C-alpha atoms as a PDB file:
ATOM      1  CA  MET A   1      -0.837  25.528  -4.612  1.00  0.00           C
ATOM      2  CA  ASP A   2      -4.519  25.492  -5.131  1.00  0.00           C
ATOM      3  CA  LYS A   3      -6.364  27.383  -2.274  1.00  0.00           C
ATOM      4  CA  ASN A   4      -9.450  24.469  -2.440  1.00  0.00           C
ATOM      5  CA  LEU A   5      -6.973  21.625  -2.517  1.00  0.00           C
ATOM      6  CA  ASN A   6      -5.130  22.714   0.540  1.00  0.00           C
ATOM      7  CA  SER A   7      -8.054  23.536   2.565  1.00  0.00           C
ATOM      8  CA  ASN A   8      -9.464  20.067   1.934  1.00  0.00           C
ATOM      9  CA  LEU A   9      -6.301  18.979   3.100  1.00  0.00           C
ATOM     10  CA  LYS A  10      -6.517  20.550   6.061  1.00  0.00           C
ATOM     11  CA  LYS A  11     -10.049  19.418   6.900  1.00  0.00           C
ATOM     12  CA  ALA A  12      -8.703  15.817   6.566  1.00  0.00           C
ATOM     13  CA  LYS A  13      -6.258  16.172   8.591  1.00  0.00           C
ATOM     14  CA  SER A  14      -8.572  17.588  11.137  1.00  0.00           C
ATOM     15  CA  GLY A  15     -11.258  15.197  10.711  1.00  0.00           C
ATOM     16  CA  LYS A  16      -9.051  11.949  10.530  1.00  0.00           C
ATOM     17  CA  ARG A  17      -9.936  11.487   6.738  1.00  0.00           C
ATOM     18  CA  ASP A  18      -6.923   9.679   5.191  1.00  0.00           C
ATOM     19  CA  GLU A  19      -8.224   8.331   2.236  1.00  0.00           C
ATOM     20  CA  PHE A  20      -5.953  10.227  -0.747  1.00  0.00           C
ATOM     21  CA  TYR A  21      -5.520   7.562  -3.292  1.00  0.00           C
ATOM     22  CA  THR A  22      -2.704   8.509  -5.592  1.00  0.00           C
ATOM     23  CA  GLN A  23      -2.891   8.697  -9.170  1.00  0.00           C
ATOM     24  CA  LEU A  24      -1.428   5.296 -11.408  1.00  0.00           C
ATOM     25  CA  SER A  25       0.352   8.184 -13.444  1.00  0.00           C
ATOM     26  CA  ASP A  26       2.095   9.404 -10.480  1.00  0.00           C
ATOM     27  CA  ILE A  27       3.543   6.061  -9.165  1.00  0.00           C
ATOM     28  CA  GLU A  28       4.603   5.400 -12.556  1.00  0.00           C
ATOM     29  CA  ARG A  29       6.509   8.433 -13.072  1.00  0.00           C
ATOM     30  CA  GLU A  30       8.641   8.240  -9.499  1.00  0.00           C
ATOM     31  CA  LEU A  31       9.285   4.924  -9.344  1.00  0.00           C
ATOM     32  CA  ARG A  32      10.679   4.429 -12.681  1.00  0.00           C
ATOM     33  CA  HIS A  33      13.788   5.704 -11.192  1.00  0.00           C
ATOM     34  CA  TYR A  34      13.947   2.581  -8.845  1.00  0.00           C
ATOM     35  CA  LYS A  35      13.915  -0.089 -10.793  1.00  0.00           C
ATOM     36  CA  LYS A  36      17.225  -1.416 -10.099  1.00  0.00           C
ATOM     37  CA  HIS A  37      16.642  -1.472  -6.129  1.00  0.00           C
ATOM     38  CA  PHE A  38      13.234  -3.476  -6.601  1.00  0.00           C
ATOM     39  CA  LYS A  39      15.216  -6.553  -7.980  1.00  0.00           C
ATOM     40  CA  ASP A  40      14.470  -9.970  -5.676  1.00  0.00           C
ATOM     41  CA  LYS A  41      13.182  -7.673  -3.154  1.00  0.00           C
ATOM     42  CA  ILE A  42       9.754  -8.342  -1.228  1.00  0.00           C
ATOM     43  CA  ILE A  43       7.786  -4.998  -2.039  1.00  0.00           C
ATOM     44  CA  TYR A  44       4.923  -4.488   1.254  1.00  0.00           C
ATOM     45  CA  CYS A  45       2.099  -1.742   1.002  1.00  0.00           C
ATOM     46  CA  ASN A  46       1.080  -1.343   4.044  1.00  0.00           C
ATOM     47  CA  CYS A  47      -1.856   0.938   3.647  1.00  0.00           C
ATOM     48  CA  ASP A  48      -3.435  -0.108   0.443  1.00  0.00           C
ATOM     49  CA  ASP A  49      -6.675  -1.712  -0.284  1.00  0.00           C
ATOM     50  CA  PRO A  50      -5.012  -3.763  -3.300  1.00  0.00           C
ATOM     51  CA  ARG A  51      -8.312  -3.700  -5.146  1.00  0.00           C
ATOM     52  CA  GLU A  52      -8.318  -0.075  -5.344  1.00  0.00           C
ATOM     53  CA  SER A  53      -4.533   0.676  -4.757  1.00  0.00           C
ATOM     54  CA  ASN A  54      -2.643   2.030  -7.693  1.00  0.00           C
ATOM     55  CA  PHE A  55       0.623   0.893  -5.827  1.00  0.00           C
ATOM     56  CA  PHE A  56      -0.961  -2.900  -5.992  1.00  0.00           C
ATOM     57  CA  ASN A  57      -1.878  -2.210  -9.562  1.00  0.00           C
ATOM     58  CA  TYR A  58       1.472  -0.905 -10.553  1.00  0.00           C
ATOM     59  CA  PHE A  59       3.661  -4.023  -8.798  1.00  0.00           C
ATOM     60  CA  SER A  60       1.771  -6.401  -9.607  1.00  0.00           C
ATOM     61  CA  LEU A  61       1.060  -5.546 -13.741  1.00  0.00           C
ATOM     62  CA  ASN A  62       5.514  -4.693 -13.538  1.00  0.00           C
ATOM     63  CA  PHE A  63       6.196  -7.927 -11.212  1.00  0.00           C
ATOM     64  CA  GLU A  64       8.439  -9.781 -13.845  1.00  0.00           C
ATOM     65  CA  PHE A  65       9.722  -6.445 -15.345  1.00  0.00           C
ATOM     66  CA  LEU A  66      10.450  -5.236 -12.022  1.00  0.00           C
ATOM     67  CA  GLY A  67      12.330  -8.840 -10.887  1.00  0.00           C
ATOM     68  CA  LEU A  68      10.078  -8.671  -7.773  1.00  0.00           C
ATOM     69  CA  LYS A  69      10.288 -11.355  -5.042  1.00  0.00           C
ATOM     70  CA  LYS A  70       7.040 -11.260  -3.736  1.00  0.00           C
ATOM     71  CA  LEU A  71       4.290  -8.429  -3.260  1.00  0.00           C
ATOM     72  CA  ILE A  72       2.485  -8.006   0.009  1.00  0.00           C
ATOM     73  CA  THR A  73      -0.444  -5.544   0.560  1.00  0.00           C
ATOM     74  CA  THR A  74      -2.414  -4.858   3.492  1.00  0.00           C
ATOM     75  CA  CYS A  75      -5.428  -2.710   4.178  1.00  0.00           C
ATOM     76  CA  TYR A  76      -7.317  -1.245   7.089  1.00  0.00           C
ATOM     77  CA  LYS A  77     -10.861  -2.715   7.154  1.00  0.00           C
ATOM     78  CA  ASN A  78     -13.208  -1.122   4.822  1.00  0.00           C
ATOM     79  CA  GLN A  79     -16.605  -0.020   5.247  1.00  0.00           C
ATOM     80  CA  SER A  80     -17.853  -1.424   1.775  1.00  0.00           C
ATOM     81  CA  PRO A  81     -19.841  -4.068   1.615  1.00  0.00           C
ATOM     82  CA  ASP A  82     -18.706  -5.234  -1.809  1.00  0.00           C
ATOM     83  CA  LEU A  83     -15.197  -5.611  -0.506  1.00  0.00           C
ATOM     84  CA  PHE A  84     -13.934  -8.597  -2.745  1.00  0.00           C
ATOM     85  CA  SER A  85     -17.719  -9.557  -2.644  1.00  0.00           C
ATOM     86  CA  THR A  86     -17.491 -11.393   0.720  1.00  0.00           C
ATOM     87  CA  HIS A  87     -20.308  -8.792   2.338  1.00  0.00           C
ATOM     88  CA  ASN A  88     -18.201  -8.762   5.357  1.00  0.00           C
ATOM     89  CA  SER A  89     -16.995  -5.339   6.316  1.00  0.00           C
ATOM     90  CA  ASP A  90     -15.424  -6.588   9.635  1.00  0.00           C
ATOM     91  CA  LYS A  91     -12.336  -8.165   8.189  1.00  0.00           C
ATOM     92  CA  ALA A  92      -9.362  -6.950   7.045  1.00  0.00           C
ATOM     93  CA  ILE A  93      -6.929  -8.402   4.811  1.00  0.00           C
ATOM     94  CA  TYR A  94      -3.450  -8.935   3.443  1.00  0.00           C
ATOM     95  CA  LEU A  95      -2.695 -10.205   0.024  1.00  0.00           C
ATOM     96  CA  GLU A  96      -0.057 -11.616  -1.389  1.00  0.00           C
ATOM     97  CA  TYR A  97       1.229 -11.961  -4.949  1.00  0.00           C
ATOM     98  CA  SER A  98       4.319 -13.536  -6.371  1.00  0.00           C
ATOM     99  CA  GLY A  99       4.214 -13.208 -10.181  1.00  0.00           C
ATOM    100  CA  ASP A 100       2.325 -14.308 -13.161  1.00  0.00           C
ATOM    101  CA  LYS A 101       1.906 -18.123 -13.382  1.00  0.00           C
ATOM    102  CA  ASN A 102       0.131 -18.487 -16.742  1.00  0.00           C
ATOM    103  CA  ASN A 103       1.797 -15.593 -18.870  1.00  0.00           C
ATOM    104  CA  ASN A 104      -1.080 -13.605 -19.155  1.00  0.00           C
ATOM    105  CA  ASN A 105       0.683 -10.749 -17.255  1.00  0.00           C
ATOM    106  CA  ILE A 106      -2.043 -10.013 -15.500  1.00  0.00           C
ATOM    107  CA  PRO A 107      -2.561 -10.644 -11.653  1.00  0.00           C
ATOM    108  CA  ASP A 108      -5.546 -13.369 -11.492  1.00  0.00           C
ATOM    109  CA  ASP A 109      -7.533 -14.092  -8.567  1.00  0.00           C
ATOM    110  CA  ASN A 110      -5.868 -17.506  -8.702  1.00  0.00           C
ATOM    111  CA  GLU A 111      -2.362 -15.933  -8.527  1.00  0.00           C
ATOM    112  CA  THR A 112      -3.538 -13.831  -5.435  1.00  0.00           C
ATOM    113  CA  ILE A 113      -3.863 -15.106  -2.380  1.00  0.00           C
ATOM    114  CA  VAL A 114      -5.916 -13.456   0.216  1.00  0.00           C
ATOM    115  CA  TYR A 115      -5.631 -13.904   4.048  1.00  0.00           C
ATOM    116  CA  PRO A 116      -8.053 -12.318   6.691  1.00  0.00           C
ATOM    117  CA  LEU A 117      -6.473 -10.551   9.462  1.00  0.00           C
ATOM    118  CA  ASN A 118      -7.285 -11.107  12.901  1.00  0.00           C
ATOM    119  CA  GLY A 119      -7.122  -7.273  13.736  1.00  0.00           C
ATOM    120  CA  ASP A 120      -8.393  -4.100  11.623  1.00  0.00           C
ATOM    121  CA  GLY A 121      -5.398  -4.200   9.459  1.00  0.00           C
ATOM    122  CA  ASP A 122      -3.906  -0.975  11.305  1.00  0.00           C
ATOM    123  CA  PHE A 123      -0.394  -0.746  10.428  1.00  0.00           C
ATOM    124  CA  ARG A 124       0.755  -0.728  13.773  1.00  0.00           C
ATOM    125  CA  SER A 125      -0.860  -3.766  14.610  1.00  0.00           C
ATOM    126  CA  LYS A 126       1.133  -7.009  15.277  1.00  0.00           C
ATOM    127  CA  GLU A 127       0.106  -9.085  12.708  1.00  0.00           C
ATOM    128  CA  CYS A 128       0.909  -6.133  10.438  1.00  0.00           C
ATOM    129  CA  ILE A 129       4.396  -5.587  11.990  1.00  0.00           C
ATOM    130  CA  GLU A 130       5.292  -9.080  11.287  1.00  0.00           C
ATOM    131  CA  LEU A 131       4.573  -8.404   7.654  1.00  0.00           C
ATOM    132  CA  LEU A 132       6.658  -5.397   7.884  1.00  0.00           C
ATOM    133  CA  LYS A 133       9.661  -7.481   9.108  1.00  0.00           C
ATOM    134  CA  GLN A 134       9.120  -9.623   5.864  1.00  0.00           C
ATOM    135  CA  ALA A 135       9.771  -6.371   3.676  1.00  0.00           C
ATOM    136  CA  ASP A 136      12.979  -5.499   1.968  1.00  0.00           C
ATOM    137  CA  ILE A 137      10.809  -2.221   0.903  1.00  0.00           C
ATOM    138  CA  VAL A 138       8.039  -0.526   2.006  1.00  0.00           C
ATOM    139  CA  ILE A 139       5.968   1.915  -0.663  1.00  0.00           C
ATOM    140  CA  THR A 140       2.614   3.525   0.154  1.00  0.00           C
ATOM    141  CA  ASN A 141       0.674   6.794   0.603  1.00  0.00           C
ATOM    142  CA  PRO A 142       0.404   6.591   4.136  1.00  0.00           C
ATOM    143  CA  PRO A 143      -2.646   7.867   6.300  1.00  0.00           C
ATOM    144  CA  PHE A 144      -2.061  11.839   6.374  1.00  0.00           C
ATOM    145  CA  SER A 145      -2.944  12.100  10.072  1.00  0.00           C
ATOM    146  CA  LEU A 146      -0.478   9.704  10.839  1.00  0.00           C
ATOM    147  CA  PHE A 147       2.132  10.564   9.167  1.00  0.00           C
ATOM    148  CA  ARG A 148       4.854  11.069  11.809  1.00  0.00           C
ATOM    149  CA  GLU A 149       3.761   8.007  13.584  1.00  0.00           C
ATOM    150  CA  TYR A 150       3.873   6.129  10.472  1.00  0.00           C
ATOM    151  CA  LEU A 151       7.816   7.517   9.669  1.00  0.00           C
ATOM    152  CA  ALA A 152       8.923   6.621  12.703  1.00  0.00           C
ATOM    153  CA  GLN A 153       7.592   3.098  12.672  1.00  0.00           C
ATOM    154  CA  LEU A 154       9.647   2.456   9.690  1.00  0.00           C
ATOM    155  CA  ILE A 155      12.703   4.378  11.087  1.00  0.00           C
ATOM    156  CA  GLU A 156      12.274   1.997  14.081  1.00  0.00           C
ATOM    157  CA  PHE A 157      12.160  -1.283  11.950  1.00  0.00           C
ATOM    158  CA  ASP A 158      15.498  -0.068   9.598  1.00  0.00           C
ATOM    159  CA  LYS A 159      13.030  -0.311   6.601  1.00  0.00           C
ATOM    160  CA  LYS A 160      13.917   1.094   3.363  1.00  0.00           C
ATOM    161  CA  PHE A 161      10.875   3.107   1.897  1.00  0.00           C
ATOM    162  CA  ILE A 162       9.046   5.248  -0.521  1.00  0.00           C
ATOM    163  CA  ILE A 163       6.398   7.495   0.789  1.00  0.00           C
ATOM    164  CA  MET A 164       4.319   9.247  -1.645  1.00  0.00           C
ATOM    165  CA  GLY A 165       2.166  11.926  -0.625  1.00  0.00           C
ATOM    166  CA  HIS A 166       0.538  15.340  -0.555  1.00  0.00           C
ATOM    167  CA  GLN A 167       3.574  17.766  -0.103  1.00  0.00           C
ATOM    168  CA  ASN A 168       1.906  19.246   2.955  1.00  0.00           C
ATOM    169  CA  ALA A 169       2.538  15.537   4.649  1.00  0.00           C
ATOM    170  CA  ILE A 170       6.090  16.526   5.553  1.00  0.00           C
ATOM    171  CA  THR A 171       4.951  19.791   7.159  1.00  0.00           C
END
């Protein structure tokens, strides 16, 4: 293992820096094995800023191919003042996508519905748990520092899940 990468992960864990975006190529390589499991399912990516998340990109661009019923993403409030060009970094959001309506195979703005959350978008919040209850399968790269708590929640709510992240998360 790359010694520098390992030290960076240790620093992230101790510093509670959990923003490790999963590469689209890694998502494609792994999720191609699960196509039959996605048909008519609601996928919930509950740790994913939909404008930066490759999980959102993968599922929205392959929505019809996978036969999904709905895609829901939530993200913890973002500190970026340009998030969705609202210049309002105090609000977390969730997004629902139910497929391509105009046959251009691109998730357009009028096909994706963005809803504000009352809280900060933490996966442990009541409103995010209500979205979790709707989901058939949860797929994401969860916060590294909260991995055990994240996994415990999925088990508590009896959710099928695919967690993609660094191998050190399991230790």
